[in-house]
Amino acid sequence: TVNNLPAYDDRWFHPGLYVALSGTRYFVEQSDFYIQQRTIAANSITSASFGVGVIGDARLGDYKSPFILRFAPGVTFSSRQVEFKPLAGYARDADSIVTQEVVSTVIQFPLMLKYQSDRRRNTRLYMIAGLNPILTVGNRRDDGKRNILRQTDSDLAIEYGFGFDFFYPLFKFAPELRFSHGLRNVLVPHNDVFSRSLQSLTTNSVTLYINIQN
């Protein structure tokens, strides 16, 4: 087997691009109003999201160092949903079940520390973890009267995961699985039955990254 890109680790910096496919949802915490009333149940629904961005990897130390600092800003088109259902004893017709959807365009600025194993011919395993500041730049509402649940314009998530480096003659291909947990309560309080039923909303996602670097 021929070793592709044999001098890859001699360079201290590697740019790249990524495409990301995510399963996103809220972690829901019920409020005192919900506990007292007990008329509806709030359940988070997993939705799909899509993102693209750029990668900048900088080696920390000499060429043998296993530590890489990664900055990977990007744009993500995300959707999260909370379904509100009436509890036993209350109406259960189709009109009484309401799904609140928050659709957003966000810019992410993840700063990650990557720890990579020794290269074995054209493959290598790595682990990655760090913090991801998130800024919302746009919200879309298909039905402004029906979808009234809101979230804040910023968030901070802790992220961790693992991936594999595959070296090809002209580039490095790296599929990566990453888990993200929001650290902030992103619920915007409002005087409606949906917001009052919730104490907090925090973001969660599982993302498959497809990284291409040279």
N, C-alpha and C. Protein backbone atom coordinates (compact mmCIF):
# COMPACT_ATOMS: atom_id res chain seq x y z
N THR A 1 0.84 -1.19 0.00
CA THR A 1 0.00 0.00 0.00
C THR A 1 0.87 1.24 0.00
N VAL A 2 0.55 2.18 -0.89
CA VAL A 2 1.30 3.42 -1.00
C VAL A 2 0.81 4.40 0.07
N ASN A 3 1.74 5.06 0.77
CA ASN A 3 1.37 6.08 1.73
C ASN A 3 1.02 7.38 0.99
N ASN A 4 -0.24 7.78 1.05
CA ASN A 4 -0.66 9.01 0.41
C ASN A 4 -0.31 10.22 1.28
N LEU A 5 -0.01 11.33 0.65
CA LEU A 5 0.35 12.57 1.36
C LEU A 5 1.35 12.29 2.49
N PRO A 6 2.51 11.75 2.18
CA PRO A 6 3.46 11.36 3.22
C PRO A 6 3.99 12.53 4.06
N ALA A 7 4.01 13.74 3.50
CA ALA A 7 4.52 14.90 4.23
C ALA A 7 3.39 15.73 4.85
N TYR A 8 2.22 15.16 4.98
CA TYR A 8 1.06 15.92 5.46
C TYR A 8 1.31 16.53 6.84
N ASP A 9 1.88 15.76 7.76
CA ASP A 9 2.07 16.23 9.13
C ASP A 9 3.26 17.18 9.27
N ASP A 10 4.03 17.38 8.22
CA ASP A 10 5.14 18.33 8.29
C ASP A 10 4.65 19.77 8.28
N ARG A 11 3.47 20.00 7.74
CA ARG A 11 2.90 21.35 7.71
C ARG A 11 2.15 21.63 9.01
N TRP A 12 2.26 22.86 9.50
CA TRP A 12 1.65 23.20 10.79
C TRP A 12 0.19 23.64 10.64
N PHE A 13 -0.24 23.99 9.41
CA PHE A 13 -1.60 24.48 9.21
C PHE A 13 -2.25 23.78 8.02
N HIS A 14 -3.54 23.42 8.20
CA HIS A 14 -4.29 22.74 7.13
C HIS A 14 -5.69 23.35 7.02
N PRO A 15 -6.02 23.97 5.88
CA PRO A 15 -7.37 24.48 5.66
C PRO A 15 -8.28 23.38 5.13
N GLY A 16 -9.57 23.66 5.12
CA GLY A 16 -10.51 22.68 4.59
C GLY A 16 -11.94 23.19 4.59
N LEU A 17 -12.84 22.31 4.20
CA LEU A 17 -14.27 22.59 4.14
C LEU A 17 -15.03 21.45 4.80
N TYR A 18 -16.26 21.72 5.22
CA TYR A 18 -17.08 20.64 5.77
C TYR A 18 -18.54 20.82 5.38
N VAL A 19 -19.25 19.69 5.36
CA VAL A 19 -20.70 19.64 5.23
C VAL A 19 -21.22 18.87 6.44
N ALA A 20 -22.30 19.36 7.05
CA ALA A 20 -22.79 18.74 8.29
C ALA A 20 -24.27 18.40 8.17
N LEU A 21 -24.63 17.20 8.61
CA LEU A 21 -26.02 16.74 8.68
C LEU A 21 -26.32 16.41 10.13
N SER A 22 -27.39 17.02 10.67
CA SER A 22 -27.65 16.90 12.10
C SER A 22 -29.06 16.42 12.40
N GLY A 23 -29.18 15.76 13.55
CA GLY A 23 -30.46 15.52 14.18
C GLY A 23 -30.52 16.43 15.40
N THR A 24 -31.45 17.39 15.44
CA THR A 24 -31.48 18.40 16.48
C THR A 24 -32.79 18.33 17.27
N ARG A 25 -32.72 18.70 18.53
CA ARG A 25 -33.90 18.71 19.38
C ARG A 25 -33.66 19.61 20.58
N TYR A 26 -34.72 19.91 21.31
CA TYR A 26 -34.63 20.61 22.59
C TYR A 26 -34.65 19.60 23.73
N PHE A 27 -33.97 19.96 24.80
CA PHE A 27 -34.18 19.27 26.08
C PHE A 27 -35.16 20.13 26.85
N VAL A 28 -36.32 19.57 27.18
CA VAL A 28 -37.43 20.32 27.75
C VAL A 28 -37.49 20.13 29.26
N GLU A 29 -37.58 21.25 29.99
CA GLU A 29 -37.83 21.21 31.43
C GLU A 29 -39.17 21.88 31.70
N GLN A 30 -40.08 21.18 32.37
CA GLN A 30 -41.42 21.70 32.60
C GLN A 30 -41.41 22.77 33.68
N SER A 31 -42.39 23.69 33.62
CA SER A 31 -42.51 24.78 34.58
C SER A 31 -43.47 24.41 35.71
N ASP A 32 -43.55 25.29 36.73
CA ASP A 32 -44.51 25.10 37.82
C ASP A 32 -45.94 25.20 37.30
N PHE A 33 -46.15 26.05 36.32
CA PHE A 33 -47.47 26.18 35.71
C PHE A 33 -47.92 24.86 35.11
N TYR A 34 -47.00 24.19 34.42
CA TYR A 34 -47.31 22.88 33.82
C TYR A 34 -47.66 21.87 34.91
N ILE A 35 -46.89 21.85 36.00
CA ILE A 35 -47.10 20.88 37.08
C ILE A 35 -48.45 21.12 37.76
N GLN A 36 -48.81 22.38 37.94
CA GLN A 36 -50.07 22.71 38.62
C GLN A 36 -51.29 22.45 37.73
N GLN A 37 -51.18 22.82 36.45
CA GLN A 37 -52.33 22.69 35.56
C GLN A 37 -52.53 21.26 35.06
N ARG A 38 -51.44 20.64 34.63
CA ARG A 38 -51.47 19.26 34.13
C ARG A 38 -52.54 19.07 33.05
N THR A 39 -52.59 20.00 32.11
CA THR A 39 -53.58 19.90 31.03
C THR A 39 -52.95 19.47 29.71
N ILE A 40 -51.67 19.78 29.52
CA ILE A 40 -50.98 19.41 28.29
C ILE A 40 -49.61 18.84 28.62
N ALA A 41 -49.09 18.05 27.69
CA ALA A 41 -47.75 17.49 27.82
C ALA A 41 -46.88 18.04 26.69
N ALA A 42 -45.67 18.42 27.03
CA ALA A 42 -44.73 18.97 26.05
C ALA A 42 -43.65 17.94 25.76
N ASN A 43 -43.51 17.57 24.49
CA ASN A 43 -42.52 16.58 24.08
C ASN A 43 -41.67 17.13 22.94
N SER A 44 -40.37 16.99 23.07
CA SER A 44 -39.47 17.45 22.02
C SER A 44 -39.42 16.44 20.87
N ILE A 45 -39.37 16.97 19.64
CA ILE A 45 -39.31 16.14 18.44
C ILE A 45 -37.98 16.38 17.74
N THR A 46 -37.32 15.30 17.34
CA THR A 46 -36.05 15.43 16.63
C THR A 46 -36.30 15.86 15.18
N SER A 47 -35.53 16.86 14.74
CA SER A 47 -35.65 17.38 13.38
C SER A 47 -34.29 17.35 12.70
N ALA A 48 -34.30 17.50 11.39
CA ALA A 48 -33.06 17.49 10.61
C ALA A 48 -32.56 18.90 10.38
N SER A 49 -31.23 19.06 10.37
CA SER A 49 -30.58 20.34 10.08
C SER A 49 -29.42 20.11 9.13
N PHE A 50 -29.01 21.18 8.48
CA PHE A 50 -27.94 21.11 7.48
C PHE A 50 -27.01 22.30 7.66
N GLY A 51 -25.69 22.05 7.52
CA GLY A 51 -24.73 23.13 7.69
C GLY A 51 -23.52 22.98 6.78
N VAL A 52 -22.85 24.09 6.52
CA VAL A 52 -21.61 24.12 5.74
C VAL A 52 -20.66 25.09 6.43
N GLY A 53 -19.36 24.90 6.20
CA GLY A 53 -18.39 25.79 6.81
C GLY A 53 -16.98 25.52 6.36
N VAL A 54 -16.04 26.25 6.97
CA VAL A 54 -14.62 26.11 6.65
C VAL A 54 -13.88 25.61 7.87
N ILE A 55 -12.70 25.05 7.64
CA ILE A 55 -11.89 24.47 8.70
C ILE A 55 -10.50 25.09 8.67
N GLY A 56 -9.97 25.38 9.84
CA GLY A 56 -8.58 25.76 9.97
C GLY A 56 -7.95 24.98 11.10
N ASP A 57 -7.05 24.05 10.78
CA ASP A 57 -6.36 23.22 11.77
C ASP A 57 -4.94 23.73 11.96
N ALA A 58 -4.55 24.01 13.20
CA ALA A 58 -3.20 24.45 13.52
C ALA A 58 -2.58 23.49 14.53
N ARG A 59 -1.42 22.93 14.18
CA ARG A 59 -0.76 21.98 15.07
C ARG A 59 -0.16 22.71 16.27
N LEU A 60 -0.32 22.11 17.45
CA LEU A 60 0.26 22.65 18.67
C LEU A 60 1.53 21.86 18.98
N GLY A 61 2.69 22.46 18.77
CA GLY A 61 3.95 21.76 18.99
C GLY A 61 4.61 21.36 17.69
N ASP A 62 5.57 20.43 17.78
CA ASP A 62 6.30 20.01 16.58
C ASP A 62 5.48 19.02 15.76
N TYR A 63 6.06 18.51 14.68
CA TYR A 63 5.31 17.67 13.76
C TYR A 63 4.85 16.35 14.37
N LYS A 64 5.44 15.96 15.50
CA LYS A 64 5.03 14.72 16.16
C LYS A 64 3.91 14.94 17.18
N SER A 65 3.54 16.19 17.41
CA SER A 65 2.52 16.48 18.42
C SER A 65 1.16 15.92 18.01
N PRO A 66 0.43 15.28 18.94
CA PRO A 66 -0.89 14.74 18.60
C PRO A 66 -2.02 15.76 18.77
N PHE A 67 -1.70 16.98 19.21
CA PHE A 67 -2.72 17.98 19.50
C PHE A 67 -2.86 18.99 18.37
N ILE A 68 -4.12 19.20 17.97
CA ILE A 68 -4.46 20.12 16.90
C ILE A 68 -5.53 21.08 17.42
N LEU A 69 -5.34 22.38 17.18
CA LEU A 69 -6.36 23.38 17.50
C LEU A 69 -7.18 23.65 16.25
N ARG A 70 -8.49 23.48 16.34
CA ARG A 70 -9.36 23.63 15.17
C ARG A 70 -10.35 24.78 15.39
N PHE A 71 -10.41 25.66 14.40
CA PHE A 71 -11.45 26.68 14.34
C PHE A 71 -12.25 26.43 13.08
N ALA A 72 -13.57 26.25 13.22
CA ALA A 72 -14.38 25.81 12.08
C ALA A 72 -15.70 26.59 12.02
N PRO A 73 -15.65 27.88 11.66
CA PRO A 73 -16.90 28.65 11.56
C PRO A 73 -17.76 28.17 10.41
N GLY A 74 -19.07 28.30 10.59
CA GLY A 74 -19.98 27.84 9.54
C GLY A 74 -21.39 28.35 9.75
N VAL A 75 -22.24 28.05 8.79
CA VAL A 75 -23.65 28.43 8.81
C VAL A 75 -24.49 27.16 8.86
N THR A 76 -25.49 27.16 9.74
CA THR A 76 -26.37 26.00 9.87
C THR A 76 -27.83 26.44 9.75
N PHE A 77 -28.59 25.68 9.01
CA PHE A 77 -30.03 25.90 8.87
C PHE A 77 -30.72 24.84 9.74
N SER A 78 -31.22 25.28 10.88
CA SER A 78 -31.70 24.33 11.88
C SER A 78 -33.20 24.44 12.10
N SER A 79 -33.77 23.35 12.59
CA SER A 79 -35.18 23.28 12.93
C SER A 79 -35.34 22.44 14.19
N ARG A 80 -36.10 22.97 15.16
CA ARG A 80 -36.41 22.22 16.37
C ARG A 80 -37.90 22.36 16.66
N GLN A 81 -38.49 21.30 17.21
CA GLN A 81 -39.94 21.28 17.41
C GLN A 81 -40.29 20.78 18.81
N VAL A 82 -41.35 21.34 19.35
CA VAL A 82 -41.94 20.87 20.60
C VAL A 82 -43.41 20.61 20.33
N GLU A 83 -43.86 19.41 20.64
CA GLU A 83 -45.25 19.03 20.42
C GLU A 83 -46.01 19.09 21.74
N PHE A 84 -47.13 19.81 21.73
CA PHE A 84 -47.98 19.95 22.92
C PHE A 84 -49.25 19.13 22.72
N LYS A 85 -49.44 18.14 23.61
CA LYS A 85 -50.61 17.26 23.54
C LYS A 85 -51.44 17.39 24.81
N PRO A 86 -52.78 17.38 24.68
CA PRO A 86 -53.62 17.39 25.88
C PRO A 86 -53.50 16.07 26.63
N LEU A 87 -53.53 16.15 27.96
CA LEU A 87 -53.45 14.94 28.77
C LEU A 87 -54.81 14.26 28.89
N ALA A 88 -54.81 13.10 29.54
CA ALA A 88 -56.04 12.32 29.69
C ALA A 88 -57.14 13.17 30.33
N GLY A 89 -58.35 13.05 29.77
CA GLY A 89 -59.48 13.81 30.29
C GLY A 89 -59.74 15.10 29.55
N TYR A 90 -58.82 15.44 28.62
CA TYR A 90 -59.00 16.65 27.83
C TYR A 90 -59.15 16.27 26.36
N ALA A 91 -59.58 17.22 25.55
CA ALA A 91 -59.82 16.93 24.13
C ALA A 91 -58.57 16.40 23.46
N ARG A 92 -58.76 15.42 22.58
CA ARG A 92 -57.64 14.83 21.87
C ARG A 92 -57.86 14.81 20.37
N ASP A 93 -58.64 15.73 19.85
CA ASP A 93 -58.83 15.80 18.42
C ASP A 93 -57.58 16.39 17.78
N ALA A 94 -57.50 16.28 16.45
CA ALA A 94 -56.29 16.70 15.74
C ALA A 94 -55.97 18.17 15.96
N ASP A 95 -57.00 19.02 16.10
CA ASP A 95 -56.78 20.45 16.26
C ASP A 95 -56.24 20.80 17.64
N SER A 96 -56.38 19.89 18.59
CA SER A 96 -55.92 20.19 19.95
C SER A 96 -54.44 19.85 20.14
N ILE A 97 -53.84 19.15 19.20
CA ILE A 97 -52.41 18.85 19.25
C ILE A 97 -51.66 19.89 18.42
N VAL A 98 -50.79 20.64 19.08
CA VAL A 98 -50.11 21.76 18.44
C VAL A 98 -48.61 21.52 18.45
N THR A 99 -47.98 21.65 17.30
CA THR A 99 -46.53 21.54 17.20
C THR A 99 -45.94 22.92 17.01
N GLN A 100 -45.08 23.31 17.94
CA GLN A 100 -44.37 24.58 17.85
C GLN A 100 -43.00 24.34 17.23
N GLU A 101 -42.72 25.01 16.11
CA GLU A 101 -41.46 24.81 15.40
C GLU A 101 -40.66 26.11 15.38
N VAL A 102 -39.37 25.99 15.72
CA VAL A 102 -38.45 27.12 15.66
C VAL A 102 -37.44 26.83 14.56
N VAL A 103 -37.51 27.58 13.47
CA VAL A 103 -36.62 27.41 12.32
C VAL A 103 -35.66 28.59 12.30
N SER A 104 -34.35 28.32 12.30
CA SER A 104 -33.37 29.39 12.42
C SER A 104 -32.20 29.19 11.46
N THR A 105 -31.59 30.30 11.11
CA THR A 105 -30.30 30.30 10.44
C THR A 105 -29.27 30.81 11.44
N VAL A 106 -28.27 30.00 11.74
CA VAL A 106 -27.32 30.36 12.79
C VAL A 106 -25.90 30.31 12.26
N ILE A 107 -25.05 31.15 12.83
CA ILE A 107 -23.62 31.13 12.57
C ILE A 107 -22.93 30.53 13.79
N GLN A 108 -22.07 29.56 13.56
CA GLN A 108 -21.37 28.89 14.64
C GLN A 108 -19.87 29.18 14.56
N PHE A 109 -19.25 29.27 15.74
CA PHE A 109 -17.81 29.58 15.82
C PHE A 109 -17.10 28.58 16.73
N PRO A 110 -17.15 27.28 16.42
CA PRO A 110 -16.57 26.29 17.33
C PRO A 110 -15.04 26.36 17.39
N LEU A 111 -14.53 26.32 18.60
CA LEU A 111 -13.09 26.24 18.83
C LEU A 111 -12.84 24.92 19.54
N MET A 112 -12.13 24.00 18.84
CA MET A 112 -12.02 22.63 19.31
C MET A 112 -10.56 22.22 19.49
N LEU A 113 -10.34 21.29 20.42
CA LEU A 113 -9.04 20.67 20.58
C LEU A 113 -9.14 19.23 20.07
N LYS A 114 -8.28 18.90 19.15
CA LYS A 114 -8.30 17.58 18.52
C LYS A 114 -7.08 16.79 18.97
N TYR A 115 -7.31 15.55 19.39
CA TYR A 115 -6.22 14.64 19.77
C TYR A 115 -6.24 13.47 18.80
N GLN A 116 -5.15 13.32 18.05
CA GLN A 116 -5.11 12.29 17.02
C GLN A 116 -4.10 11.20 17.35
N SER A 117 -4.43 9.99 16.93
CA SER A 117 -3.54 8.86 17.15
C SER A 117 -2.41 8.87 16.12
N ASP A 118 -1.47 7.96 16.27
CA ASP A 118 -0.43 7.81 15.25
C ASP A 118 -1.07 7.34 13.94
N ARG A 119 -0.50 7.79 12.88
CA ARG A 119 -1.00 7.40 11.56
C ARG A 119 -0.57 5.96 11.24
N ARG A 120 -1.51 5.17 10.76
CA ARG A 120 -1.23 3.81 10.33
C ARG A 120 -1.52 3.73 8.84
N ARG A 121 -0.46 3.85 8.06
CA ARG A 121 -0.54 3.95 6.61
C ARG A 121 -1.43 5.13 6.22
N ASN A 122 -2.65 4.89 5.75
CA ASN A 122 -3.49 5.99 5.27
C ASN A 122 -4.72 6.24 6.13
N THR A 123 -4.67 5.81 7.38
CA THR A 123 -5.80 6.03 8.29
C THR A 123 -5.30 6.51 9.65
N ARG A 124 -6.22 7.17 10.35
CA ARG A 124 -5.89 7.65 11.69
C ARG A 124 -7.20 7.94 12.43
N LEU A 125 -7.23 7.65 13.72
CA LEU A 125 -8.38 7.92 14.57
C LEU A 125 -8.11 9.18 15.38
N TYR A 126 -9.17 9.96 15.63
CA TYR A 126 -8.99 11.13 16.49
C TYR A 126 -10.23 11.37 17.35
N MET A 127 -10.02 12.11 18.44
CA MET A 127 -11.09 12.59 19.31
C MET A 127 -11.05 14.10 19.32
N ILE A 128 -12.21 14.72 19.52
CA ILE A 128 -12.29 16.17 19.45
C ILE A 128 -13.30 16.68 20.47
N ALA A 129 -13.01 17.86 21.06
CA ALA A 129 -13.91 18.45 22.04
C ALA A 129 -13.64 19.95 22.13
N GLY A 130 -14.66 20.70 22.54
CA GLY A 130 -14.48 22.13 22.69
C GLY A 130 -15.79 22.85 22.92
N LEU A 131 -15.76 24.18 22.73
CA LEU A 131 -16.91 25.04 22.93
C LEU A 131 -17.35 25.65 21.61
N ASN A 132 -18.66 25.86 21.48
CA ASN A 132 -19.21 26.39 20.24
C ASN A 132 -20.17 27.55 20.53
N PRO A 133 -19.72 28.81 20.40
CA PRO A 133 -20.63 29.95 20.49
C PRO A 133 -21.51 29.99 19.25
N ILE A 134 -22.81 30.25 19.44
CA ILE A 134 -23.78 30.21 18.36
C ILE A 134 -24.58 31.51 18.34
N LEU A 135 -24.71 32.09 17.16
CA LEU A 135 -25.44 33.35 16.98
C LEU A 135 -26.53 33.16 15.93
N THR A 136 -27.77 33.47 16.28
CA THR A 136 -28.88 33.38 15.34
C THR A 136 -28.96 34.66 14.51
N VAL A 137 -28.99 34.50 13.18
CA VAL A 137 -29.04 35.66 12.29
C VAL A 137 -30.36 35.74 11.53
N GLY A 138 -31.20 34.73 11.66
CA GLY A 138 -32.49 34.76 10.96
C GLY A 138 -33.43 33.71 11.48
N ASN A 139 -34.69 34.07 11.60
CA ASN A 139 -35.75 33.14 11.99
C ASN A 139 -36.85 33.15 10.93
N ARG A 140 -37.39 31.99 10.63
CA ARG A 140 -38.46 31.89 9.65
C ARG A 140 -39.68 31.26 10.32
N ARG A 141 -40.84 31.89 10.09
CA ARG A 141 -42.09 31.38 10.65
C ARG A 141 -43.07 31.12 9.52
N ASP A 142 -43.41 29.84 9.33
CA ASP A 142 -44.38 29.50 8.31
C ASP A 142 -45.79 29.98 8.68
N ASP A 143 -46.07 29.98 9.97
CA ASP A 143 -47.38 30.41 10.45
C ASP A 143 -47.16 31.19 11.75
N GLY A 144 -47.11 32.51 11.63
CA GLY A 144 -46.79 33.35 12.78
C GLY A 144 -47.83 33.29 13.89
N LYS A 145 -49.08 32.99 13.54
CA LYS A 145 -50.12 32.91 14.56
C LYS A 145 -50.07 31.58 15.30
N ARG A 146 -49.64 30.53 14.61
CA ARG A 146 -49.61 29.20 15.22
C ARG A 146 -48.27 28.91 15.90
N ASN A 147 -47.17 29.27 15.24
CA ASN A 147 -45.84 29.04 15.80
C ASN A 147 -45.39 30.28 16.57
N ILE A 148 -45.66 30.30 17.87
CA ILE A 148 -45.34 31.48 18.68
C ILE A 148 -44.24 31.21 19.70
N LEU A 149 -43.74 29.99 19.77
CA LEU A 149 -42.63 29.69 20.67
C LEU A 149 -41.36 30.33 20.13
N ARG A 150 -40.56 30.95 21.01
CA ARG A 150 -39.37 31.67 20.59
C ARG A 150 -38.15 31.23 21.40
N GLN A 151 -36.96 31.38 20.76
CA GLN A 151 -35.72 31.14 21.48
C GLN A 151 -34.80 32.35 21.34
N THR A 152 -33.80 32.45 22.21
CA THR A 152 -32.89 33.59 22.22
C THR A 152 -32.02 33.59 20.97
N ASP A 153 -31.34 34.72 20.75
CA ASP A 153 -30.52 34.88 19.55
C ASP A 153 -29.10 34.36 19.73
N SER A 154 -28.76 33.81 20.89
CA SER A 154 -27.40 33.30 21.09
C SER A 154 -27.44 32.08 22.00
N ASP A 155 -26.40 31.27 21.89
CA ASP A 155 -26.28 30.06 22.70
C ASP A 155 -24.80 29.72 22.82
N LEU A 156 -24.49 28.86 23.76
CA LEU A 156 -23.14 28.34 23.93
C LEU A 156 -23.25 26.86 24.19
N ALA A 157 -22.57 26.06 23.38
CA ALA A 157 -22.67 24.60 23.49
C ALA A 157 -21.32 23.98 23.76
N ILE A 158 -21.33 22.91 24.52
CA ILE A 158 -20.14 22.08 24.68
C ILE A 158 -20.27 20.91 23.71
N GLU A 159 -19.19 20.59 23.00
CA GLU A 159 -19.24 19.58 21.97
C GLU A 159 -18.08 18.60 22.12
N TYR A 160 -18.33 17.35 21.72
CA TYR A 160 -17.31 16.32 21.78
C TYR A 160 -17.67 15.23 20.77
N GLY A 161 -16.64 14.52 20.33
CA GLY A 161 -16.90 13.47 19.36
C GLY A 161 -15.64 12.77 18.92
N PHE A 162 -15.73 12.04 17.82
CA PHE A 162 -14.58 11.30 17.30
C PHE A 162 -14.72 11.21 15.79
N GLY A 163 -13.61 10.89 15.14
CA GLY A 163 -13.63 10.78 13.69
C GLY A 163 -12.45 9.97 13.18
N PHE A 164 -12.39 9.81 11.88
CA PHE A 164 -11.32 9.06 11.22
C PHE A 164 -10.74 9.90 10.09
N ASP A 165 -9.43 9.93 10.00
CA ASP A 165 -8.74 10.55 8.87
C ASP A 165 -8.40 9.48 7.84
N PHE A 166 -8.79 9.72 6.60
CA PHE A 166 -8.42 8.84 5.49
C PHE A 166 -7.64 9.66 4.47
N PHE A 167 -6.42 9.25 4.23
CA PHE A 167 -5.53 10.00 3.34
C PHE A 167 -5.62 9.47 1.92
N TYR A 168 -5.89 10.39 1.00
CA TYR A 168 -5.94 10.08 -0.42
C TYR A 168 -4.82 10.85 -1.12
N PRO A 169 -4.56 10.56 -2.38
CA PRO A 169 -3.41 11.20 -3.06
C PRO A 169 -3.47 12.73 -3.06
N LEU A 170 -4.66 13.34 -3.12
CA LEU A 170 -4.75 14.80 -3.25
C LEU A 170 -5.41 15.50 -2.05
N PHE A 171 -6.02 14.75 -1.14
CA PHE A 171 -6.70 15.38 -0.01
C PHE A 171 -6.89 14.37 1.11
N LYS A 172 -7.32 14.90 2.25
CA LYS A 172 -7.66 14.06 3.39
C LYS A 172 -9.17 14.13 3.61
N PHE A 173 -9.80 12.96 3.72
CA PHE A 173 -11.24 12.85 3.94
C PHE A 173 -11.47 12.37 5.38
N ALA A 174 -12.34 13.09 6.13
CA ALA A 174 -12.50 12.76 7.55
C ALA A 174 -13.97 12.80 7.95
N PRO A 175 -14.66 11.67 8.01
CA PRO A 175 -16.01 11.64 8.60
C PRO A 175 -15.90 11.74 10.12
N GLU A 176 -16.80 12.49 10.72
CA GLU A 176 -16.71 12.77 12.15
C GLU A 176 -18.11 12.79 12.76
N LEU A 177 -18.27 12.16 13.91
CA LEU A 177 -19.53 12.17 14.64
C LEU A 177 -19.35 13.02 15.90
N ARG A 178 -20.21 14.03 16.05
CA ARG A 178 -20.04 14.97 17.16
C ARG A 178 -21.36 15.18 17.89
N PHE A 179 -21.27 15.26 19.22
CA PHE A 179 -22.44 15.49 20.08
C PHE A 179 -22.36 16.90 20.66
N SER A 180 -23.50 17.58 20.71
CA SER A 180 -23.53 18.96 21.18
C SER A 180 -24.63 19.13 22.22
N HIS A 181 -24.28 19.85 23.32
CA HIS A 181 -25.24 20.11 24.40
C HIS A 181 -25.19 21.60 24.75
N GLY A 182 -26.31 22.29 24.56
CA GLY A 182 -26.37 23.71 24.88
C GLY A 182 -26.28 23.94 26.38
N LEU A 183 -25.59 25.02 26.76
CA LEU A 183 -25.39 25.33 28.18
C LEU A 183 -26.34 26.41 28.69
N ARG A 184 -27.05 27.07 27.79
CA ARG A 184 -27.92 28.17 28.17
C ARG A 184 -29.40 27.81 27.99
N ASN A 185 -30.24 28.45 28.79
CA ASN A 185 -31.68 28.36 28.60
C ASN A 185 -32.04 29.32 27.47
N VAL A 186 -32.51 28.79 26.33
CA VAL A 186 -32.78 29.63 25.17
C VAL A 186 -34.26 30.01 25.04
N LEU A 187 -35.06 29.65 26.02
CA LEU A 187 -36.49 29.97 25.97
C LEU A 187 -36.71 31.47 26.18
N VAL A 188 -37.49 32.09 25.30
CA VAL A 188 -37.92 33.48 25.47
C VAL A 188 -39.30 33.46 26.12
N PRO A 189 -39.41 33.93 27.39
CA PRO A 189 -40.70 33.89 28.08
C PRO A 189 -41.74 34.74 27.37
N HIS A 190 -42.98 34.24 27.36
CA HIS A 190 -44.07 34.97 26.74
C HIS A 190 -45.36 34.53 27.42
N ASN A 191 -46.36 35.38 27.39
CA ASN A 191 -47.62 35.10 28.09
C ASN A 191 -48.55 34.26 27.22
N ASP A 192 -48.12 33.04 26.94
CA ASP A 192 -48.95 32.09 26.20
C ASP A 192 -48.82 30.73 26.86
N VAL A 193 -49.73 29.84 26.55
CA VAL A 193 -49.78 28.54 27.23
C VAL A 193 -48.53 27.71 26.94
N PHE A 194 -47.92 27.88 25.77
CA PHE A 194 -46.74 27.10 25.43
C PHE A 194 -45.53 27.52 26.26
N SER A 195 -45.24 28.81 26.26
CA SER A 195 -44.09 29.31 27.02
C SER A 195 -44.26 29.09 28.51
N ARG A 196 -45.48 29.32 29.02
CA ARG A 196 -45.71 29.17 30.46
C ARG A 196 -45.62 27.71 30.91
N SER A 197 -45.76 26.78 29.99
CA SER A 197 -45.65 25.36 30.35
C SER A 197 -44.20 24.90 30.45
N LEU A 198 -43.26 25.76 30.03
CA LEU A 198 -41.85 25.39 30.00
C LEU A 198 -41.04 26.23 30.97
N GLN A 199 -40.15 25.57 31.69
CA GLN A 199 -39.20 26.26 32.57
C GLN A 199 -37.95 26.65 31.78
N SER A 200 -37.49 25.74 30.92
CA SER A 200 -36.31 26.03 30.13
C SER A 200 -36.26 25.13 28.90
N LEU A 201 -35.54 25.61 27.89
CA LEU A 201 -35.22 24.85 26.70
C LEU A 201 -33.73 24.92 26.48
N THR A 202 -33.09 23.78 26.33
CA THR A 202 -31.68 23.75 25.96
C THR A 202 -31.52 22.91 24.70
N THR A 203 -30.54 23.27 23.89
CA THR A 203 -30.37 22.63 22.59
C THR A 203 -29.50 21.39 22.70
N ASN A 204 -29.82 20.42 21.86
CA ASN A 204 -29.05 19.18 21.77
C ASN A 204 -29.01 18.75 20.31
N SER A 205 -27.90 18.17 19.89
CA SER A 205 -27.81 17.69 18.52
C SER A 205 -26.76 16.60 18.41
N VAL A 206 -26.94 15.76 17.40
CA VAL A 206 -25.94 14.78 16.99
C VAL A 206 -25.66 15.05 15.51
N THR A 207 -24.39 15.26 15.18
CA THR A 207 -24.05 15.74 13.84
C THR A 207 -22.99 14.86 13.20
N LEU A 208 -23.22 14.54 11.93
CA LEU A 208 -22.23 13.88 11.12
C LEU A 208 -21.55 14.93 10.24
N TYR A 209 -20.25 15.11 10.45
CA TYR A 209 -19.46 16.06 9.68
C TYR A 209 -18.69 15.30 8.59
N ILE A 210 -18.69 15.84 7.39
CA ILE A 210 -17.87 15.34 6.31
C ILE A 210 -16.80 16.40 6.04
N ASN A 211 -15.59 16.14 6.45
CA ASN A 211 -14.49 17.11 6.36
C ASN A 211 -13.55 16.77 5.20
N ILE A 212 -13.19 17.78 4.43
CA ILE A 212 -12.22 17.62 3.35
C ILE A 212 -11.12 18.65 3.58
N GLN A 213 -9.87 18.18 3.67
CA GLN A 213 -8.73 19.07 3.91
C GLN A 213 -7.59 18.72 2.96
N ASN A 214 -6.71 19.72 2.77
CA ASN A 214 -5.49 19.43 1.97
C ASN A 214 -4.25 19.79 2.77
